[in-house]
Amino acid sequence: MAFLIPNLQPSLLAQSKSKDKPLNQTLSQPKPTSQFPISSTLQTSTAQVAQVNTPPIAKDKQQHQHPKDEFYVNLGLAVRTLREDLPLIFSKDLNYEIYRDDITFMDPLNTFTGIEKYKLIFWALRFHGKILFREIEFDVYRVWQPSENVILIRWNLRGVPRVPWETKGEFQGTSRYKLDRSGKIYEHKVDNLAFNFPQNIKPVSVLDLVTACPASPNPTFLWGPVDAYSSSWITFYRAVKETLDQEGSLIPQDGLATCS
């Protein structure tokens, strides 16, 4: 059998070569490429997985960010608008974009609801202010926030009546504005009124002021009943009130009032 080995080895070598050749050719051939790049495919699949695996808490947080952002934007707009509008209430109209349509206005004696009545209040202030006073000014002393949804404004109203027997007078008060969740003003309350009419003020002690009146951020006090003063200021207030009572029969315009 030994003599057969040399004869078989060439044939075995040939067969092994023929079998190795396709293997070598297969290994040397380039691998087929995909239609899309591998990197872009991986990025797309990764983004899809990240989107699917986003926790619900993160999604809820993103949804709740918008209303809160809207509140702070409108809050800043309200503060800035009030600072600009209030000193000019006797010469130009307000910017009513910061108020809700169902806004409520309250003072110590009356309550009015609705943006149309609110507009009429400030029209009446301008109209009757020009009639009853030679000079009338509104000064803003301080603007602050005791809480997130409340704006407080400390102001002073001063004027010189047109009648010769009255000297100039003034009174101070606080306007409290309440805002809803979107940052719109839905309530305006005027309180802490302090009249400064020297001819009618009676001397009192600090103890009397403290015990007779409730505490407030900047405590001020009403010097006696309003009816005790027969002055242009009371006439002014009553004229504004009567204008609101006759809302259905008046068409307000700056400088005049016409009957409908």
C-alpha atoms as a PDB file:
ATOM      1  CA  MET A   1       0.000   0.000   0.000  1.00  0.00           C
ATOM      2  CA  ALA A   2       2.941   2.263   0.444  1.00  0.00           C
ATOM      3  CA  PHE A   3       3.413   2.648  -3.264  1.00  0.00           C
ATOM      4  CA  LEU A   4      -0.091   3.955  -3.632  1.00  0.00           C
ATOM      5  CA  ILE A   5       0.445   6.910  -1.287  1.00  0.00           C
ATOM      6  CA  PRO A   6       2.628   8.918  -3.678  1.00  0.00           C
ATOM      7  CA  ASN A   7       0.062   8.377  -6.434  1.00  0.00           C
ATOM      8  CA  LEU A   8      -2.847   9.435  -4.234  1.00  0.00           C
ATOM      9  CA  GLN A   9      -1.233  12.543  -2.786  1.00  0.00           C
ATOM     10  CA  PRO A  10      -1.281  14.586  -6.028  1.00  0.00           C
ATOM     11  CA  SER A  11      -4.955  13.863  -6.557  1.00  0.00           C
ATOM     12  CA  LEU A  12      -5.775  14.724  -2.960  1.00  0.00           C
ATOM     13  CA  LEU A  13      -3.801  17.914  -3.271  1.00  0.00           C
ATOM     14  CA  ALA A  14      -5.626  18.818  -6.429  1.00  0.00           C
ATOM     15  CA  GLN A  15      -8.985  18.190  -4.800  1.00  0.00           C
ATOM     16  CA  SER A  16      -8.010  20.221  -1.770  1.00  0.00           C
ATOM     17  CA  LYS A  17      -6.886  23.061  -4.020  1.00  0.00           C
ATOM     18  CA  SER A  18     -10.099  22.944  -5.996  1.00  0.00           C
ATOM     19  CA  LYS A  19     -12.110  23.036  -2.755  1.00  0.00           C
ATOM     20  CA  ASP A  20     -10.011  25.843  -1.257  1.00  0.00           C
ATOM     21  CA  LYS A  21     -10.298  28.028  -4.327  1.00  0.00           C
ATOM     22  CA  PRO A  22     -14.038  28.815  -4.033  1.00  0.00           C
ATOM     23  CA  LEU A  23     -13.555  29.390  -0.290  1.00  0.00           C
ATOM     24  CA  ASN A  24     -10.780  31.854  -0.938  1.00  0.00           C
ATOM     25  CA  GLN A  25     -12.818  33.539  -3.626  1.00  0.00           C
ATOM     26  CA  THR A  26     -15.797  33.766  -1.247  1.00  0.00           C
ATOM     27  CA  LEU A  27     -13.659  35.286   1.459  1.00  0.00           C
ATOM     28  CA  SER A  28     -12.083  37.762  -0.943  1.00  0.00           C
ATOM     29  CA  GLN A  29     -15.420  38.924  -2.404  1.00  0.00           C
ATOM     30  CA  PRO A  30     -16.739  42.187  -0.854  1.00  0.00           C
ATOM     31  CA  LYS A  31     -19.801  41.883   1.335  1.00  0.00           C
ATOM     32  CA  PRO A  32     -23.001  43.249  -0.124  1.00  0.00           C
ATOM     33  CA  THR A  33     -23.784  46.730   1.147  1.00  0.00           C
ATOM     34  CA  SER A  34     -27.182  47.762   2.383  1.00  0.00           C
ATOM     35  CA  GLN A  35     -29.214  50.373   0.577  1.00  0.00           C
ATOM     36  CA  PHE A  36     -29.057  52.665   3.637  1.00  0.00           C
ATOM     37  CA  PRO A  37     -25.913  53.499   5.625  1.00  0.00           C
ATOM     38  CA  ILE A  38     -25.530  51.556   8.818  1.00  0.00           C
ATOM     39  CA  SER A  39     -24.881  54.696  10.875  1.00  0.00           C
ATOM     40  CA  SER A  40     -28.112  56.402   9.774  1.00  0.00           C
ATOM     41  CA  THR A  41     -30.070  53.196  10.407  1.00  0.00           C
ATOM     42  CA  LEU A  42     -28.648  52.967  13.906  1.00  0.00           C
ATOM     43  CA  GLN A  43     -29.436  56.628  14.612  1.00  0.00           C
ATOM     44  CA  THR A  44     -33.024  56.221  13.449  1.00  0.00           C
ATOM     45  CA  SER A  45     -33.585  53.086  15.498  1.00  0.00           C
ATOM     46  CA  THR A  46     -31.936  54.726  18.535  1.00  0.00           C
ATOM     47  CA  ALA A  47     -34.196  57.789  18.239  1.00  0.00           C
ATOM     48  CA  GLN A  48     -37.251  55.580  17.928  1.00  0.00           C
ATOM     49  CA  VAL A  49     -36.256  53.576  20.977  1.00  0.00           C
ATOM     50  CA  ALA A  50     -35.610  56.764  22.958  1.00  0.00           C
ATOM     51  CA  GLN A  51     -38.974  58.150  21.944  1.00  0.00           C
ATOM     52  CA  VAL A  52     -40.766  54.953  22.922  1.00  0.00           C
ATOM     53  CA  ASN A  53     -38.884  54.648  26.189  1.00  0.00           C
ATOM     54  CA  THR A  54     -39.544  58.275  27.334  1.00  0.00           C
ATOM     55  CA  PRO A  55     -40.949  57.963  30.848  1.00  0.00           C
ATOM     56  CA  PRO A  56     -44.501  59.288  31.359  1.00  0.00           C
ATOM     57  CA  ILE A  57     -43.286  61.634  34.103  1.00  0.00           C
ATOM     58  CA  ALA A  58     -41.053  63.484  31.649  1.00  0.00           C
ATOM     59  CA  LYS A  59     -43.917  63.835  29.164  1.00  0.00           C
ATOM     60  CA  ASP A  60     -46.235  65.189  31.852  1.00  0.00           C
ATOM     61  CA  LYS A  61     -43.571  67.642  32.953  1.00  0.00           C
ATOM     62  CA  GLN A  62     -43.231  68.959  29.415  1.00  0.00           C
ATOM     63  CA  GLN A  63     -47.000  69.371  29.122  1.00  0.00           C
ATOM     64  CA  HIS A  64     -47.255  71.282  32.410  1.00  0.00           C
ATOM     65  CA  GLN A  65     -44.446  73.664  31.590  1.00  0.00           C
ATOM     66  CA  HIS A  66     -46.462  75.623  29.022  1.00  0.00           C
ATOM     67  CA  PRO A  67     -49.321  76.835  31.294  1.00  0.00           C
ATOM     68  CA  LYS A  68     -46.828  77.893  33.974  1.00  0.00           C
ATOM     69  CA  ASP A  69     -44.731  79.760  31.433  1.00  0.00           C
ATOM     70  CA  GLU A  70     -47.884  81.467  30.157  1.00  0.00           C
ATOM     71  CA  PHE A  71     -48.780  82.556  33.701  1.00  0.00           C
ATOM     72  CA  TYR A  72     -45.409  84.199  34.319  1.00  0.00           C
ATOM     73  CA  VAL A  73     -45.416  85.895  30.918  1.00  0.00           C
ATOM     74  CA  ASN A  74     -48.880  87.358  31.549  1.00  0.00           C
ATOM     75  CA  LEU A  75     -47.948  88.250  35.120  1.00  0.00           C
ATOM     76  CA  GLY A  76     -44.975  90.275  33.925  1.00  0.00           C
ATOM     77  CA  LEU A  77     -47.132  91.927  31.272  1.00  0.00           C
ATOM     78  CA  ALA A  78     -49.770  92.812  33.894  1.00  0.00           C
ATOM     79  CA  VAL A  79     -47.245  94.411  36.266  1.00  0.00           C
ATOM     80  CA  ARG A  80     -45.608  96.382  33.468  1.00  0.00           C
ATOM     81  CA  THR A  81     -48.969  97.518  32.032  1.00  0.00           C
ATOM     82  CA  LEU A  82     -50.299  98.642  35.422  1.00  0.00           C
ATOM     83  CA  ARG A  83     -47.144 100.629  36.082  1.00  0.00           C
ATOM     84  CA  GLU A  84     -47.541 102.398  32.740  1.00  0.00           C
ATOM     85  CA  ASP A  85     -51.342 102.835  32.675  1.00  0.00           C
ATOM     86  CA  LEU A  86     -52.306 103.948  36.178  1.00  0.00           C
ATOM     87  CA  PRO A  87     -50.355 107.245  36.288  1.00  0.00           C
ATOM     88  CA  LEU A  88     -52.157 108.255  33.066  1.00  0.00           C
ATOM     89  CA  ILE A  89     -55.747 107.184  33.869  1.00  0.00           C
ATOM     90  CA  PHE A  90     -56.989 110.808  33.658  1.00  0.00           C
ATOM     91  CA  SER A  91     -55.445 111.436  30.244  1.00  0.00           C
ATOM     92  CA  LYS A  92     -55.688 108.129  28.302  1.00  0.00           C
ATOM     93  CA  ASP A  93     -57.534 104.822  28.374  1.00  0.00           C
ATOM     94  CA  LEU A  94     -56.146 101.609  29.828  1.00  0.00           C
ATOM     95  CA  ASN A  95     -54.797  98.575  28.036  1.00  0.00           C
ATOM     96  CA  TYR A  96     -57.544  96.012  28.697  1.00  0.00           C
ATOM     97  CA  GLU A  97     -55.669  92.980  27.331  1.00  0.00           C
ATOM     98  CA  ILE A  98     -54.474  92.052  30.825  1.00  0.00           C
ATOM     99  CA  TYR A  99     -58.034  91.716  32.194  1.00  0.00           C
ATOM    100  CA  ARG A 100     -60.625  88.963  31.841  1.00  0.00           C
ATOM    101  CA  ASP A 101     -64.004  89.723  30.297  1.00  0.00           C
ATOM    102  CA  ASP A 102     -65.759  88.859  33.571  1.00  0.00           C
ATOM    103  CA  ILE A 103     -63.535  91.054  35.752  1.00  0.00           C
ATOM    104  CA  THR A 104     -65.085  92.233  39.042  1.00  0.00           C
ATOM    105  CA  PHE A 105     -64.401  95.702  40.457  1.00  0.00           C
ATOM    106  CA  MET A 106     -65.034  96.358  44.167  1.00  0.00           C
ATOM    107  CA  ASP A 107     -64.703  99.400  46.375  1.00  0.00           C
ATOM    108  CA  PRO A 108     -65.946  99.889  49.960  1.00  0.00           C
ATOM    109  CA  LEU A 109     -69.466 100.734  48.727  1.00  0.00           C
ATOM    110  CA  ASN A 110     -70.057  99.046  45.364  1.00  0.00           C
ATOM    111  CA  THR A 111     -69.328  96.012  43.203  1.00  0.00           C
ATOM    112  CA  PHE A 112     -69.419  95.870  39.399  1.00  0.00           C
ATOM    113  CA  THR A 113     -68.807  92.901  37.103  1.00  0.00           C
ATOM    114  CA  GLY A 114     -67.899  92.767  33.423  1.00  0.00           C
ATOM    115  CA  ILE A 115     -65.252  94.330  31.207  1.00  0.00           C
ATOM    116  CA  GLU A 116     -67.726  96.860  29.756  1.00  0.00           C
ATOM    117  CA  LYS A 117     -68.563  98.255  33.196  1.00  0.00           C
ATOM    118  CA  TYR A 118     -64.867  98.260  34.025  1.00  0.00           C
ATOM    119  CA  LYS A 119     -64.135 100.327  30.917  1.00  0.00           C
ATOM    120  CA  LEU A 120     -66.988 102.669  31.828  1.00  0.00           C
ATOM    121  CA  ILE A 121     -65.514 103.263  35.287  1.00  0.00           C
ATOM    122  CA  PHE A 122     -62.286 104.635  33.857  1.00  0.00           C
ATOM    123  CA  TRP A 123     -64.073 106.611  31.171  1.00  0.00           C
ATOM    124  CA  ALA A 124     -66.187 108.236  33.916  1.00  0.00           C
ATOM    125  CA  LEU A 125     -63.055 109.011  35.930  1.00  0.00           C
ATOM    126  CA  ARG A 126     -61.541 110.864  32.982  1.00  0.00           C
ATOM    127  CA  PHE A 127     -64.778 112.624  32.039  1.00  0.00           C
ATOM    128  CA  HIS A 128     -65.823 113.877  35.477  1.00  0.00           C
ATOM    129  CA  GLY A 129     -62.236 114.485  36.557  1.00  0.00           C
ATOM    130  CA  LYS A 130     -61.866 117.096  33.811  1.00  0.00           C
ATOM    131  CA  ILE A 131     -65.174 118.705  34.767  1.00  0.00           C
ATOM    132  CA  LEU A 132     -64.688 118.928  38.540  1.00  0.00           C
ATOM    133  CA  PHE A 133     -60.926 119.553  38.845  1.00  0.00           C
ATOM    134  CA  ARG A 134     -58.514 122.026  37.372  1.00  0.00           C
ATOM    135  CA  GLU A 135     -55.691 119.607  38.082  1.00  0.00           C
ATOM    136  CA  ILE A 136     -55.922 115.925  38.959  1.00  0.00           C
ATOM    137  CA  GLU A 137     -53.093 113.408  39.181  1.00  0.00           C
ATOM    138  CA  PHE A 138     -52.697 109.745  40.080  1.00  0.00           C
ATOM    139  CA  ASP A 139     -49.360 108.723  41.627  1.00  0.00           C
ATOM    140  CA  VAL A 140     -48.194 105.114  42.022  1.00  0.00           C
ATOM    141  CA  TYR A 141     -46.158 104.758  45.202  1.00  0.00           C
ATOM    142  CA  ARG A 142     -45.432 101.059  45.306  1.00  0.00           C
ATOM    143  CA  VAL A 143     -46.106  97.818  43.413  1.00  0.00           C
ATOM    144  CA  TRP A 144     -45.523  94.440  45.083  1.00  0.00           C
ATOM    145  CA  GLN A 145     -46.754  90.847  45.296  1.00  0.00           C
ATOM    146  CA  PRO A 146     -47.819  89.463  48.685  1.00  0.00           C
ATOM    147  CA  SER A 147     -48.476  86.136  46.921  1.00  0.00           C
ATOM    148  CA  GLU A 148     -47.940  84.676  43.470  1.00  0.00           C
ATOM    149  CA  ASN A 149     -51.431  85.463  42.116  1.00  0.00           C
ATOM    150  CA  VAL A 150     -51.930  88.883  43.770  1.00  0.00           C
ATOM    151  CA  ILE A 151     -50.590  92.306  42.750  1.00  0.00           C
ATOM    152  CA  LEU A 152     -50.861  95.163  45.260  1.00  0.00           C
ATOM    153  CA  ILE A 153     -50.481  98.799  44.251  1.00  0.00           C
ATOM    154  CA  ARG A 154     -50.238 101.677  46.700  1.00  0.00           C
ATOM    155  CA  TRP A 155     -51.406 104.912  45.092  1.00  0.00           C
ATOM    156  CA  ASN A 156     -52.231 108.555  45.836  1.00  0.00           C
ATOM    157  CA  LEU A 157     -54.922 110.636  44.102  1.00  0.00           C
ATOM    158  CA  ARG A 158     -54.542 114.426  44.324  1.00  0.00           C
ATOM    159  CA  GLY A 159     -56.319 117.299  42.675  1.00  0.00           C
ATOM    160  CA  VAL A 160     -57.298 120.962  42.719  1.00  0.00           C
ATOM    161  CA  PRO A 161     -61.097 121.491  42.533  1.00  0.00           C
ATOM    162  CA  ARG A 162     -62.514 124.121  40.203  1.00  0.00           C
ATOM    163  CA  VAL A 163     -64.641 125.739  42.909  1.00  0.00           C
ATOM    164  CA  PRO A 164     -62.894 128.686  44.624  1.00  0.00           C
ATOM    165  CA  TRP A 165     -63.871 127.767  48.199  1.00  0.00           C
ATOM    166  CA  GLU A 166     -62.002 124.438  48.174  1.00  0.00           C
ATOM    167  CA  THR A 167     -58.279 123.972  48.420  1.00  0.00           C
ATOM    168  CA  LYS A 168     -56.408 121.090  46.904  1.00  0.00           C
ATOM    169  CA  GLY A 169     -56.938 117.693  48.485  1.00  0.00           C
ATOM    170  CA  GLU A 170     -55.789 114.112  48.134  1.00  0.00           C
ATOM    171  CA  PHE A 171     -56.441 110.603  49.337  1.00  0.00           C
ATOM    172  CA  GLN A 172     -54.543 107.361  49.230  1.00  0.00           C
ATOM    173  CA  GLY A 173     -55.640 103.792  48.713  1.00  0.00           C
ATOM    174  CA  THR A 174     -54.617 100.293  47.741  1.00  0.00           C
ATOM    175  CA  SER A 175     -55.640  98.415  44.622  1.00  0.00           C
ATOM    176  CA  ARG A 176     -55.549  94.641  44.936  1.00  0.00           C
ATOM    177  CA  TYR A 177     -55.481  92.696  41.662  1.00  0.00           C
ATOM    178  CA  LYS A 178     -56.081  88.937  41.606  1.00  0.00           C
ATOM    179  CA  LEU A 179     -54.881  86.766  38.705  1.00  0.00           C
ATOM    180  CA  ASP A 180     -56.146  83.421  37.438  1.00  0.00           C
ATOM    181  CA  ARG A 181     -53.992  80.436  36.400  1.00  0.00           C
ATOM    182  CA  SER A 182     -53.241  81.961  33.008  1.00  0.00           C
ATOM    183  CA  GLY A 183     -52.106  85.261  34.529  1.00  0.00           C
ATOM    184  CA  LYS A 184     -55.211  87.325  33.613  1.00  0.00           C
ATOM    185  CA  ILE A 185     -56.705  89.773  36.129  1.00  0.00           C
ATOM    186  CA  TYR A 186     -60.203  88.724  37.205  1.00  0.00           C
ATOM    187  CA  GLU A 187     -60.685  90.957  40.294  1.00  0.00           C
ATOM    188  CA  HIS A 188     -59.769  94.540  41.201  1.00  0.00           C
ATOM    189  CA  LYS A 189     -60.509  95.638  44.764  1.00  0.00           C
ATOM    190  CA  VAL A 190     -59.915  99.145  46.113  1.00  0.00           C
ATOM    191  CA  ASP A 191     -59.551  99.466  49.890  1.00  0.00           C
ATOM    192  CA  ASN A 192     -57.444 100.988  52.697  1.00  0.00           C
ATOM    193  CA  LEU A 193     -58.652 104.456  51.737  1.00  0.00           C
ATOM    194  CA  ALA A 194     -57.230 107.403  53.691  1.00  0.00           C
ATOM    195  CA  PHE A 195     -58.597 110.867  53.002  1.00  0.00           C
ATOM    196  CA  ASN A 196     -56.369 113.849  53.596  1.00  0.00           C
ATOM    197  CA  PHE A 197     -58.627 116.873  54.011  1.00  0.00           C
ATOM    198  CA  PRO A 198     -56.920 119.013  56.695  1.00  0.00           C
ATOM    199  CA  GLN A 199     -59.976 121.116  57.475  1.00  0.00           C
ATOM    200  CA  ASN A 200     -61.967 118.031  58.523  1.00  0.00           C
ATOM    201  CA  ILE A 201     -59.381 115.764  60.152  1.00  0.00           C
ATOM    202  CA  LYS A 202     -59.614 115.528  63.930  1.00  0.00           C
ATOM    203  CA  PRO A 203     -56.455 114.904  65.961  1.00  0.00           C
ATOM    204  CA  VAL A 204     -56.206 111.287  67.105  1.00  0.00           C
ATOM    205  CA  SER A 205     -53.552 109.233  68.790  1.00  0.00           C
ATOM    206  CA  VAL A 206     -51.655 106.351  67.247  1.00  0.00           C
ATOM    207  CA  LEU A 207     -53.350 103.995  69.689  1.00  0.00           C
ATOM    208  CA  ASP A 208     -56.776 105.058  68.400  1.00  0.00           C
ATOM    209  CA  LEU A 209     -55.699 104.308  64.835  1.00  0.00           C
ATOM    210  CA  VAL A 210     -54.333 100.880  65.716  1.00  0.00           C
ATOM    211  CA  THR A 211     -57.325  99.727  67.753  1.00  0.00           C
ATOM    212  CA  ALA A 212     -59.977 101.133  65.435  1.00  0.00           C
ATOM    213  CA  CYS A 213     -58.773  99.726  62.134  1.00  0.00           C
ATOM    214  CA  PRO A 214     -57.711  96.282  60.870  1.00  0.00           C
ATOM    215  CA  ALA A 215     -54.141  95.487  59.953  1.00  0.00           C
ATOM    216  CA  SER A 216     -53.029  95.766  56.332  1.00  0.00           C
ATOM    217  CA  PRO A 217     -49.704  95.675  54.442  1.00  0.00           C
ATOM    218  CA  ASN A 218     -49.531  99.480  54.602  1.00  0.00           C
ATOM    219  CA  PRO A 219     -52.293 100.398  57.085  1.00  0.00           C
ATOM    220  CA  THR A 220     -54.276 103.508  56.226  1.00  0.00           C
ATOM    221  CA  PHE A 221     -57.559 104.691  57.562  1.00  0.00           C
ATOM    222  CA  LEU A 222     -60.809 106.300  56.534  1.00  0.00           C
ATOM    223  CA  TRP A 223     -61.150 109.572  58.411  1.00  0.00           C
ATOM    224  CA  GLY A 224     -64.816 109.565  59.368  1.00  0.00           C
ATOM    225  CA  PRO A 225     -67.843 108.634  57.233  1.00  0.00           C
ATOM    226  CA  VAL A 226     -67.749 109.565  53.572  1.00  0.00           C
ATOM    227  CA  ASP A 227     -71.000 111.559  53.803  1.00  0.00           C
ATOM    228  CA  ALA A 228     -69.332 113.923  56.259  1.00  0.00           C
ATOM    229  CA  TYR A 229     -67.556 115.633  53.361  1.00  0.00           C
ATOM    230  CA  SER A 230     -69.512 117.878  51.063  1.00  0.00           C
ATOM    231  CA  SER A 231     -66.714 118.400  48.578  1.00  0.00           C
ATOM    232  CA  SER A 232     -65.752 117.999  44.961  1.00  0.00           C
ATOM    233  CA  TRP A 233     -64.276 114.594  45.797  1.00  0.00           C
ATOM    234  CA  ILE A 234     -67.623 113.244  46.969  1.00  0.00           C
ATOM    235  CA  THR A 235     -69.340 114.834  43.974  1.00  0.00           C
ATOM    236  CA  PHE A 236     -66.719 113.174  41.822  1.00  0.00           C
ATOM    237  CA  TYR A 237     -67.399 109.747  43.316  1.00  0.00           C
ATOM    238  CA  ARG A 238     -71.161 110.111  43.037  1.00  0.00           C
ATOM    239  CA  ALA A 239     -70.895 111.264  39.429  1.00  0.00           C
ATOM    240  CA  VAL A 240     -68.897 108.174  38.515  1.00  0.00           C
ATOM    241  CA  LYS A 241     -71.397 105.960  40.332  1.00  0.00           C
ATOM    242  CA  GLU A 242     -74.378 107.579  38.553  1.00  0.00           C
ATOM    243  CA  THR A 243     -72.643 107.088  35.219  1.00  0.00           C
ATOM    244  CA  LEU A 244     -72.416 103.353  35.901  1.00  0.00           C
ATOM    245  CA  ASP A 245     -76.063 103.241  36.988  1.00  0.00           C
ATOM    246  CA  GLN A 246     -77.052 104.843  33.671  1.00  0.00           C
ATOM    247  CA  GLU A 247     -74.893 102.523  31.593  1.00  0.00           C
ATOM    248  CA  GLY A 248     -77.791 101.508  29.347  1.00  0.00           C
ATOM    249  CA  SER A 249     -78.646 105.094  28.361  1.00  0.00           C
ATOM    250  CA  LEU A 250     -75.145 106.478  27.828  1.00  0.00           C
ATOM    251  CA  ILE A 251     -72.659 105.952  25.042  1.00  0.00           C
ATOM    252  CA  PRO A 252     -69.291 106.932  26.593  1.00  0.00           C
ATOM    253  CA  GLN A 253     -66.735 108.756  24.515  1.00  0.00           C
ATOM    254  CA  ASP A 254     -63.669 110.659  25.647  1.00  0.00           C
ATOM    255  CA  GLY A 255     -64.686 114.228  26.415  1.00  0.00           C
ATOM    256  CA  LEU A 256     -68.472 113.810  26.112  1.00  0.00           C
ATOM    257  CA  ALA A 257     -71.429 111.585  26.858  1.00  0.00           C
ATOM    258  CA  THR A 258     -74.380 111.156  24.540  1.00  0.00           C
ATOM    259  CA  CYS A 259     -77.802 109.623  25.156  1.00  0.00           C
ATOM    260  CA  SER A 260     -78.662 106.485  23.244  1.00  0.00           C
END
